[in-house]
């Protein structure tokens, strides 16, 4: 199957004088979810849409003049990272179109696994696709639907989509959100004064001073228009959810509530469980910054071994997880991370990281730590071995690039140059997020994909 990965953030606000600026801030807070393109569509008083989108970071795409143009009291926005549907402006969201019923704008976080099949079917029926992303399928399904009632269109079109989706839509008279029945990706509802606000993560509410109310439920369509707020839940909302556990391991911002739980607390708990499962005598616990910090604190508190910042991170670099070329990646580690001799020299060190994907970065970090004079390096990973790609909207490499899919733990330990290596078990993972496996998708760790993979 093609990887259409869209790691993204969505945001929307209804009836607020500062709508487009608040969407800008909401996207800014969620920039970690996607750095390739950003876009905002606002709804003018006369029912028309104004949109502005571009490639790059939120701060690069929008300026004062651009935001001033986005007039209207209601707006939605999107920031995107994708490895498929390549980085073209035609794939930047929100996607916009004119339907029989008027203008529509659509933004999506997640990944539709049957997108290829749907596209072929729609093309055979005469649909013309502008971009190469999976989101466009929904736009075509809505356009072909005979009803002018967008809610009815959604209720009858969404069941055709398989996989992960959190959508926000804007028409000439409504703002709507929808979340897939398995609840793969987070989606939350909040309020700023009287204005309803929706976002991928609660950290976006914190920035604009909005109050978190609740999650949008799996299978729910929620909408707001001039007559009020409404919600329907599809009959197929699953008893067994497939919430992405990787949101808690790595992807979400630590200051967010995701699936109703504090990400920071989950990460500390991951570290504490790791300390119970893989204890080792050492002088200091250090995180791989920034994503390993909370887990390293949890490991330190549980083990009683002091925590210290043995590596300092330069924050003005893009994430290596997301850099495309191997030759750029190899330089990236030195630009990004600098070991502290004062903390590491002559010490036995426990290095805690959130996950180990390809192993190349870990190998470089360990050699930097040894070069700084550490006498032993014990690597502890606050998640199970990543053995499979994600098909639901997190950009993980293909199986052949995942080190744990191709090497034993002993071989990985040698490859990265560690004295010992310990991964958290899947049991420990679910214990840390205080839930059983029936609520989460952990397919990248356990190979149990909750949908058919095309």
Foldseek 3Di string as FASTA:
>chain_A
DDFQFKQKKKKKKAFAQQGLVLQLLLRLLQQLSAFFKKKKWAAAPVLAIDMFMDTGHSVVRDDPVRSVVRGHRIMMMMHIDTPPLDRDPLPHAQDWDAAPLGIKTKDKFKFFQCQVVLVVVLVVVPDDRRTGHSVVSLVSQLRPDPDSDSVVSCLVRVVVTDFWIWMWMDGSFKIKIATALQRAFWKFWWADPNMIMIMRWCSSCVRVVTGTDGTQHHQKMWMAGPVGIDMDGHPPNDPQHAYALVCLLARPDQCTQGPNHRSLQLLLLLLLLLCVVDPDDWQEEEEPPDSFVSSSNSVCVNRVHYYDHQKDFDPPDDDLQRDDDPVVSVVVLVNTIAGDLVVAAAIAYEYEYSACFQLPSLLVVVVRSVVSHHPAYEYEYSAAQQQAADSIHDDGDHNVRGVVVPDPLVVSCVVSVHPYYYYRDVVSSCVSVPHDCSSHNPCSHVVDDPDDRD
